[in-house]
Amino acid sequence: MTAAPAGEFLNPKQLHDRYAPLGEAELSKANSELARNYIRNFQQVHGLVPTLSVASVLSTFTNLARQDVFTSGIVALAARYR
């Protein structure tokens, strides 16, 4: 009941390298797939669920803007700790 879906654990650089080069149409498609997986509670996922993996301390939030890779939403700024 509480089992997580099969995940692909990515650090921030890997996540950036995967999504930053995408064009608008590709990014929109990826976003739609991720949203669909979330809405379906990861019950019908094809492939691994990309998961951000980092140990950090949250320091601030900011709204995303037109000049950012992801143009809408909120981003959390965190400092890595060990």
PDB file of N, CA and C in Angstrom:
ATOM      1  N   MET A   1       0.800  -1.183   0.000  1.00  0.00           N
ATOM      2  CA  MET A   1       0.000   0.000   0.000  1.00  0.00           C
ATOM      3  C   MET A   1       0.861   1.273   0.000  1.00  0.00           C
ATOM      4  N   THR A   2       1.995   1.252   0.702  1.00  0.00           N
ATOM      5  CA  THR A   2       2.854   2.432   0.764  1.00  0.00           C
ATOM      6  C   THR A   2       4.128   2.260  -0.050  1.00  0.00           C
ATOM      7  N   ALA A   3       4.186   1.252  -0.895  1.00  0.00           N
ATOM      8  CA  ALA A   3       5.385   1.008  -1.694  1.00  0.00           C
ATOM      9  C   ALA A   3       5.572   2.101  -2.734  1.00  0.00           C
ATOM     10  N   ALA A   4       6.785   2.583  -2.818  1.00  0.00           N
ATOM     11  CA  ALA A   4       7.104   3.602  -3.818  1.00  0.00           C
ATOM     12  C   ALA A   4       7.280   2.942  -5.184  1.00  0.00           C
ATOM     13  N   PRO A   5       7.018   3.687  -6.255  1.00  0.00           N
ATOM     14  CA  PRO A   5       7.241   3.133  -7.593  1.00  0.00           C
ATOM     15  C   PRO A   5       8.736   2.974  -7.854  1.00  0.00           C
ATOM     16  N   ALA A   6       9.076   2.152  -8.829  1.00  0.00           N
ATOM     17  CA  ALA A   6      10.485   1.983  -9.195  1.00  0.00           C
ATOM     18  C   ALA A   6      11.035   3.341  -9.603  1.00  0.00           C
ATOM     19  N   GLY A   7      12.117   3.750  -8.960  1.00  0.00           N
ATOM     20  CA  GLY A   7      12.631   5.094  -9.194  1.00  0.00           C
ATOM     21  C   GLY A   7      14.021   5.113  -9.803  1.00  0.00           C
ATOM     22  N   GLU A   8      14.301   6.216 -10.424  1.00  0.00           N
ATOM     23  CA  GLU A   8      15.618   6.527 -10.959  1.00  0.00           C
ATOM     24  C   GLU A   8      16.079   7.744 -10.169  1.00  0.00           C
ATOM     25  N   PHE A   9      17.028   7.568  -9.271  1.00  0.00           N
ATOM     26  CA  PHE A   9      17.435   8.627  -8.361  1.00  0.00           C
ATOM     27  C   PHE A   9      18.505   9.491  -9.010  1.00  0.00           C
ATOM     28  N   LEU A  10      18.179  10.768  -9.198  1.00  0.00           N
ATOM     29  CA  LEU A  10      19.051  11.701  -9.890  1.00  0.00           C
ATOM     30  C   LEU A  10      19.499  12.806  -8.942  1.00  0.00           C
ATOM     31  N   ASN A  11      20.768  13.206  -9.070  1.00  0.00           N
ATOM     32  CA  ASN A  11      21.214  14.362  -8.304  1.00  0.00           C
ATOM     33  C   ASN A  11      20.838  15.612  -9.099  1.00  0.00           C
ATOM     34  N   PRO A  12      20.975  16.811  -8.519  1.00  0.00           N
ATOM     35  CA  PRO A  12      20.555  18.024  -9.225  1.00  0.00           C
ATOM     36  C   PRO A  12      21.213  18.216 -10.585  1.00  0.00           C
ATOM     37  N   LYS A  13      22.497  17.894 -10.720  1.00  0.00           N
ATOM     38  CA  LYS A  13      23.170  18.054 -12.009  1.00  0.00           C
ATOM     39  C   LYS A  13      22.590  17.105 -13.055  1.00  0.00           C
ATOM     40  N   GLN A  14      22.349  15.868 -12.691  1.00  0.00           N
ATOM     41  CA  GLN A  14      21.762  14.906 -13.621  1.00  0.00           C
ATOM     42  C   GLN A  14      20.366  15.352 -14.050  1.00  0.00           C
ATOM     43  N   LEU A  15      19.595  15.872 -13.115  1.00  0.00           N
ATOM     44  CA  LEU A  15      18.253  16.351 -13.432  1.00  0.00           C
ATOM     45  C   LEU A  15      18.320  17.532 -14.399  1.00  0.00           C
ATOM     46  N   HIS A  16      19.227  18.462 -14.144  1.00  0.00           N
ATOM     47  CA  HIS A  16      19.419  19.608 -15.037  1.00  0.00           C
ATOM     48  C   HIS A  16      19.862  19.145 -16.413  1.00  0.00           C
ATOM     49  N   ASP A  17      20.834  18.241 -16.457  1.00  0.00           N
ATOM     50  CA  ASP A  17      21.345  17.748 -17.745  1.00  0.00           C
ATOM     51  C   ASP A  17      20.271  17.038 -18.558  1.00  0.00           C
ATOM     52  N   ARG A  18      19.314  16.433 -17.897  1.00  0.00           N
ATOM     53  CA  ARG A  18      18.241  15.730 -18.597  1.00  0.00           C
ATOM     54  C   ARG A  18      17.208  16.693 -19.177  1.00  0.00           C
ATOM     55  N   TYR A  19      16.799  17.698 -18.399  1.00  0.00           N
ATOM     56  CA  TYR A  19      15.667  18.533 -18.813  1.00  0.00           C
ATOM     57  C   TYR A  19      16.051  19.877 -19.424  1.00  0.00           C
ATOM     58  N   ALA A  20      17.205  20.436 -19.108  1.00  0.00           N
ATOM     59  CA  ALA A  20      17.587  21.755 -19.622  1.00  0.00           C
ATOM     60  C   ALA A  20      17.696  21.799 -21.150  1.00  0.00           C
ATOM     61  N   PRO A  21      18.228  20.764 -21.816  1.00  0.00           N
ATOM     62  CA  PRO A  21      18.360  20.839 -23.276  1.00  0.00           C
ATOM     63  C   PRO A  21      17.051  20.679 -24.051  1.00  0.00           C
ATOM     64  N   LEU A  22      15.974  20.289 -23.391  1.00  0.00           N
ATOM     65  CA  LEU A  22      14.721  20.025 -24.089  1.00  0.00           C
ATOM     66  C   LEU A  22      14.112  21.300 -24.649  1.00  0.00           C
ATOM     67  N   GLY A  23      13.538  21.186 -25.823  1.00  0.00           N
ATOM     68  CA  GLY A  23      12.793  22.294 -26.414  1.00  0.00           C
ATOM     69  C   GLY A  23      11.435  22.416 -25.754  1.00  0.00           C
ATOM     70  N   GLU A  24      10.693  23.434 -26.149  1.00  0.00           N
ATOM     71  CA  GLU A  24       9.394  23.702 -25.531  1.00  0.00           C
ATOM     72  C   GLU A  24       8.427  22.523 -25.673  1.00  0.00           C
ATOM     73  N   ALA A  25       8.350  21.923 -26.854  1.00  0.00           N
ATOM     74  CA  ALA A  25       7.424  20.807 -27.080  1.00  0.00           C
ATOM     75  C   ALA A  25       7.848  19.574 -26.283  1.00  0.00           C
ATOM     76  N   GLU A  26       9.152  19.295 -26.265  1.00  0.00           N
ATOM     77  CA  GLU A  26       9.650  18.131 -25.521  1.00  0.00           C
ATOM     78  C   GLU A  26       9.434  18.313 -24.019  1.00  0.00           C
ATOM     79  N   LEU A  27       9.670  19.511 -23.529  1.00  0.00           N
ATOM     80  CA  LEU A  27       9.486  19.789 -22.110  1.00  0.00           C
ATOM     81  C   LEU A  27       8.014  19.696 -21.733  1.00  0.00           C
ATOM     82  N   SER A  28       7.144  20.160 -22.603  1.00  0.00           N
ATOM     83  CA  SER A  28       5.704  20.071 -22.357  1.00  0.00           C
ATOM     84  C   SER A  28       5.257  18.614 -22.293  1.00  0.00           C
ATOM     85  N   LYS A  29       5.790  17.787 -23.195  1.00  0.00           N
ATOM     86  CA  LYS A  29       5.445  16.357 -23.198  1.00  0.00           C
ATOM     87  C   LYS A  29       5.945  15.675 -21.927  1.00  0.00           C
ATOM     88  N   ALA A  30       7.185  15.958 -21.535  1.00  0.00           N
ATOM     89  CA  ALA A  30       7.743  15.369 -20.314  1.00  0.00           C
ATOM     90  C   ALA A  30       6.927  15.799 -19.097  1.00  0.00           C
ATOM     91  N   ASN A  31       6.558  17.076 -19.042  1.00  0.00           N
ATOM     92  CA  ASN A  31       5.761  17.579 -17.930  1.00  0.00           C
ATOM     93  C   ASN A  31       4.404  16.889 -17.876  1.00  0.00           C
ATOM     94  N   SER A  32       3.782  16.681 -19.032  1.00  0.00           N
ATOM     95  CA  SER A  32       2.482  15.999 -19.083  1.00  0.00           C
ATOM     96  C   SER A  32       2.590  14.572 -18.573  1.00  0.00           C
ATOM     97  N   GLU A  33       3.652  13.880 -18.954  1.00  0.00           N
ATOM     98  CA  GLU A  33       3.847  12.497 -18.499  1.00  0.00           C
ATOM     99  C   GLU A  33       4.065  12.437 -16.989  1.00  0.00           C
ATOM    100  N   LEU A  34       4.880  13.354 -16.467  1.00  0.00           N
ATOM    101  CA  LEU A  34       5.131  13.385 -15.028  1.00  0.00           C
ATOM    102  C   LEU A  34       3.850  13.713 -14.263  1.00  0.00           C
ATOM    103  N   ALA A  35       3.068  14.671 -14.758  1.00  0.00           N
ATOM    104  CA  ALA A  35       1.804  15.030 -14.114  1.00  0.00           C
ATOM    105  C   ALA A  35       0.822  13.864 -14.151  1.00  0.00           C
ATOM    106  N   ARG A  36       0.743  13.176 -15.285  1.00  0.00           N
ATOM    107  CA  ARG A  36      -0.158  12.026 -15.410  1.00  0.00           C
ATOM    108  C   ARG A  36       0.222  10.933 -14.414  1.00  0.00           C
ATOM    109  N   ASN A  37       1.524  10.669 -14.283  1.00  0.00           N
ATOM    110  CA  ASN A  37       1.977   9.661 -13.317  1.00  0.00           C
ATOM    111  C   ASN A  37       1.568  10.044 -11.898  1.00  0.00           C
ATOM    112  N   TYR A  38       1.721  11.327 -11.567  1.00  0.00           N
ATOM    113  CA  TYR A  38       1.358  11.815 -10.233  1.00  0.00           C
ATOM    114  C   TYR A  38      -0.140  11.676  -9.993  1.00  0.00           C
ATOM    115  N   ILE A  39      -0.951  12.121 -10.959  1.00  0.00           N
ATOM    116  CA  ILE A  39      -2.408  12.063 -10.811  1.00  0.00           C
ATOM    117  C   ILE A  39      -2.882  10.627 -10.650  1.00  0.00           C
ATOM    118  N   ARG A  40      -2.250   9.706 -11.353  1.00  0.00           N
ATOM    119  CA  ARG A  40      -2.623   8.284 -11.258  1.00  0.00           C
ATOM    120  C   ARG A  40      -1.942   7.597 -10.076  1.00  0.00           C
ATOM    121  N   ASN A  41      -1.292   8.386  -9.213  1.00  0.00           N
ATOM    122  CA  ASN A  41      -0.602   7.858  -8.040  1.00  0.00           C
ATOM    123  C   ASN A  41       0.445   6.810  -8.423  1.00  0.00           C
ATOM    124  N   PHE A  42       1.089   7.014  -9.558  1.00  0.00           N
ATOM    125  CA  PHE A  42       2.185   6.171 -10.041  1.00  0.00           C
ATOM    126  C   PHE A  42       1.776   4.709 -10.236  1.00  0.00           C
ATOM    127  N   GLN A  43       0.493   4.483 -10.548  1.00  0.00           N
ATOM    128  CA  GLN A  43      -0.011   3.121 -10.730  1.00  0.00           C
ATOM    129  C   GLN A  43       0.219   2.574 -12.127  1.00  0.00           C
ATOM    130  N   GLN A  44       0.330   3.412 -13.139  1.00  0.00           N
ATOM    131  CA  GLN A  44       0.497   2.953 -14.519  1.00  0.00           C
ATOM    132  C   GLN A  44       1.721   3.613 -15.145  1.00  0.00           C
ATOM    133  N   VAL A  45       2.838   3.559 -14.446  1.00  0.00           N
ATOM    134  CA  VAL A  45       4.061   4.213 -14.896  1.00  0.00           C
ATOM    135  C   VAL A  45       4.798   3.320 -15.876  1.00  0.00           C
ATOM    136  N   HIS A  46       5.237   3.921 -16.979  1.00  0.00           N
ATOM    137  CA  HIS A  46       6.074   3.204 -17.945  1.00  0.00           C
ATOM    138  C   HIS A  46       7.504   3.665 -17.728  1.00  0.00           C
ATOM    139  N   GLY A  47       8.352   2.767 -17.257  1.00  0.00           N
ATOM    140  CA  GLY A  47       9.733   3.137 -16.966  1.00  0.00           C
ATOM    141  C   GLY A  47       9.901   3.564 -15.522  1.00  0.00           C
ATOM    142  N   LEU A  48      11.053   4.135 -15.223  1.00  0.00           N
ATOM    143  CA  LEU A  48      11.375   4.546 -13.869  1.00  0.00           C
ATOM    144  C   LEU A  48      10.894   5.970 -13.603  1.00  0.00           C
ATOM    145  N   VAL A  49      10.500   6.231 -12.376  1.00  0.00           N
ATOM    146  CA  VAL A  49      10.070   7.561 -11.967  1.00  0.00           C
ATOM    147  C   VAL A  49      11.314   8.369 -11.601  1.00  0.00           C
ATOM    148  N   PRO A  50      11.579   9.488 -12.306  1.00  0.00           N
ATOM    149  CA  PRO A  50      12.736  10.304 -11.939  1.00  0.00           C
ATOM    150  C   PRO A  50      12.520  10.950 -10.573  1.00  0.00           C
ATOM    151  N   THR A  51      13.477  10.748  -9.682  1.00  0.00           N
ATOM    152  CA  THR A  51      13.379  11.234  -8.317  1.00  0.00           C
ATOM    153  C   THR A  51      14.631  12.013  -7.969  1.00  0.00           C
ATOM    154  N   LEU A  52      14.463  13.203  -7.439  1.00  0.00           N
ATOM    155  CA  LEU A  52      15.596  14.020  -7.033  1.00  0.00           C
ATOM    156  C   LEU A  52      16.154  13.466  -5.736  1.00  0.00           C
ATOM    157  N   SER A  53      17.443  13.192  -5.729  1.00  0.00           N
ATOM    158  CA  SER A  53      18.090  12.610  -4.570  1.00  0.00           C
ATOM    159  C   SER A  53      19.228  13.507  -4.112  1.00  0.00           C
ATOM    160  N   VAL A  54      19.004  14.174  -2.996  1.00  0.00           N
ATOM    161  CA  VAL A  54      20.048  15.041  -2.441  1.00  0.00           C
ATOM    162  C   VAL A  54      19.740  15.290  -0.966  1.00  0.00           C
ATOM    163  N   ALA A  55      20.784  15.301  -0.173  1.00  0.00           N
ATOM    164  CA  ALA A  55      20.639  15.646   1.237  1.00  0.00           C
ATOM    165  C   ALA A  55      20.869  17.146   1.350  1.00  0.00           C
ATOM    166  N   SER A  56      19.868  17.880   1.840  1.00  0.00           N
ATOM    167  CA  SER A  56      20.001  19.330   1.838  1.00  0.00           C
ATOM    168  C   SER A  56      19.194  19.976   2.949  1.00  0.00           C
ATOM    169  N   VAL A  57      19.469  21.245   3.140  1.00  0.00           N
ATOM    170  CA  VAL A  57      18.721  22.074   4.071  1.00  0.00           C
ATOM    171  C   VAL A  57      18.056  23.163   3.250  1.00  0.00           C
ATOM    172  N   LEU A  58      16.750  23.289   3.380  1.00  0.00           N
ATOM    173  CA  LEU A  58      15.989  24.277   2.630  1.00  0.00           C
ATOM    174  C   LEU A  58      16.316  25.679   3.122  1.00  0.00           C
ATOM    175  N   SER A  59      16.604  26.589   2.173  1.00  0.00           N
ATOM    176  CA  SER A  59      16.942  27.947   2.596  1.00  0.00           C
ATOM    177  C   SER A  59      15.962  29.004   2.092  1.00  0.00           C
ATOM    178  N   THR A  60      15.335  28.812   0.917  1.00  0.00           N
ATOM    179  CA  THR A  60      14.384  29.808   0.415  1.00  0.00           C
ATOM    180  C   THR A  60      13.536  29.227  -0.722  1.00  0.00           C
ATOM    181  N   PHE A  61      12.462  29.926  -1.054  1.00  0.00           N
ATOM    182  CA  PHE A  61      11.612  29.592  -2.190  1.00  0.00           C
ATOM    183  C   PHE A  61      11.574  30.794  -3.121  1.00  0.00           C
ATOM    184  N   THR A  62      11.352  30.552  -4.404  1.00  0.00           N
ATOM    185  CA  THR A  62      11.161  31.652  -5.344  1.00  0.00           C
ATOM    186  C   THR A  62      10.244  31.198  -6.471  1.00  0.00           C
ATOM    187  N   ASN A  63       9.511  32.141  -7.062  1.00  0.00           N
ATOM    188  CA  ASN A  63       8.677  31.839  -8.217  1.00  0.00           C
ATOM    189  C   ASN A  63       9.546  31.747  -9.460  1.00  0.00           C
ATOM    190  N   LEU A  64       9.235  30.818 -10.319  1.00  0.00           N
ATOM    191  CA  LEU A  64       9.955  30.706 -11.585  1.00  0.00           C
ATOM    192  C   LEU A  64       9.435  31.762 -12.553  1.00  0.00           C
ATOM    193  N   ALA A  65      10.304  32.162 -13.481  1.00  0.00           N
ATOM    194  CA  ALA A  65       9.950  33.219 -14.426  1.00  0.00           C
ATOM    195  C   ALA A  65      10.248  32.778 -15.855  1.00  0.00           C
ATOM    196  N   ARG A  66       9.886  33.615 -16.805  1.00  0.00           N
ATOM    197  CA  ARG A  66      10.020  33.318 -18.225  1.00  0.00           C
ATOM    198  C   ARG A  66      11.458  32.948 -18.628  1.00  0.00           C
ATOM    199  N   GLN A  67      12.468  33.531 -17.990  1.00  0.00           N
ATOM    200  CA  GLN A  67      13.859  33.281 -18.368  1.00  0.00           C
ATOM    201  C   GLN A  67      14.414  31.980 -17.781  1.00  0.00           C
ATOM    202  N   ASP A  68      13.688  31.297 -16.903  1.00  0.00           N
ATOM    203  CA  ASP A  68      14.150  30.049 -16.304  1.00  0.00           C
ATOM    204  C   ASP A  68      13.896  28.868 -17.237  1.00  0.00           C
ATOM    205  N   VAL A  69      14.617  27.754 -16.999  1.00  0.00           N
ATOM    206  CA  VAL A  69      14.423  26.535 -17.801  1.00  0.00           C
ATOM    207  C   VAL A  69      12.973  26.083 -17.686  1.00  0.00           C
ATOM    208  N   PHE A  70      12.457  26.010 -16.477  1.00  0.00           N
ATOM    209  CA  PHE A  70      11.048  25.728 -16.237  1.00  0.00           C
ATOM    210  C   PHE A  70      10.407  27.083 -15.972  1.00  0.00           C
ATOM    211  N   THR A  71       9.417  27.459 -16.774  1.00  0.00           N
ATOM    212  CA  THR A  71       8.941  28.840 -16.766  1.00  0.00           C
ATOM    213  C   THR A  71       7.823  29.133 -15.782  1.00  0.00           C
ATOM    214  N   SER A  72       7.269  28.131 -15.158  1.00  0.00           N
ATOM    215  CA  SER A  72       6.222  28.406 -14.178  1.00  0.00           C
ATOM    216  C   SER A  72       6.366  27.446 -13.007  1.00  0.00           C
ATOM    217  N   GLY A  73       5.844  27.867 -11.877  1.00  0.00           N
ATOM    218  CA  GLY A  73       5.914  27.051 -10.674  1.00  0.00           C
ATOM    219  C   GLY A  73       6.763  27.719  -9.612  1.00  0.00           C
ATOM    220  N   ILE A  74       7.181  26.933  -8.663  1.00  0.00           N
ATOM    221  CA  ILE A  74       7.989  27.423  -7.546  1.00  0.00           C
ATOM    222  C   ILE A  74       9.214  26.530  -7.426  1.00  0.00           C
ATOM    223  N   VAL A  75      10.324  27.134  -7.084  1.00  0.00           N
ATOM    224  CA  VAL A  75      11.551  26.372  -6.866  1.00  0.00           C
ATOM    225  C   VAL A  75      12.008  26.583  -5.429  1.00  0.00           C
ATOM    226  N   ALA A  76      12.543  25.533  -4.839  1.00  0.00           N
ATOM    227  CA  ALA A  76      13.089  25.613  -3.494  1.00  0.00           C
ATOM    228  C   ALA A  76      14.614  25.625  -3.607  1.00  0.00           C
ATOM    229  N   LEU A  77      15.246  26.548  -2.944  1.00  0.00           N
ATOM    230  CA  LEU A  77      16.703  26.638  -2.928  1.00  0.00           C
ATOM    231  C   LEU A  77      17.188  25.927  -1.672  1.00  0.00           C
ATOM    232  N   ALA A  78      18.084  24.994  -1.862  1.00  0.00           N
ATOM    233  CA  ALA A  78      18.580  24.219  -0.734  1.00  0.00           C
ATOM    234  C   ALA A  78      20.099  24.183  -0.738  1.00  0.00           C
ATOM    235  N   ALA A  79      20.665  24.066   0.427  1.00  0.00           N
ATOM    236  CA  ALA A  79      22.106  23.933   0.571  1.00  0.00           C
ATOM    237  C   ALA A  79      22.404  22.485   0.947  1.00  0.00           C
ATOM    238  N   ARG A  80      23.346  21.884   0.237  1.00  0.00           N
ATOM    239  CA  ARG A  80      23.694  20.497   0.482  1.00  0.00           C
ATOM    240  C   ARG A  80      24.466  20.372   1.797  1.00  0.00           C
ATOM    241  N   TYR A  81      24.193  19.322   2.513  1.00  0.00           N
ATOM    242  CA  TYR A  81      24.953  19.061   3.727  1.00  0.00           C
ATOM    243  C   TYR A  81      25.407  17.620   3.728  1.00  0.00           C
ATOM    244  N   ARG A  82      26.342  17.328   4.579  1.00  0.00           N
ATOM    245  CA  ARG A  82      26.857  15.942   4.689  1.00  0.00           C
ATOM    246  C   ARG A  82      26.751  15.454   6.089  1.00  0.00           C
TER     247      ARG A  82
END
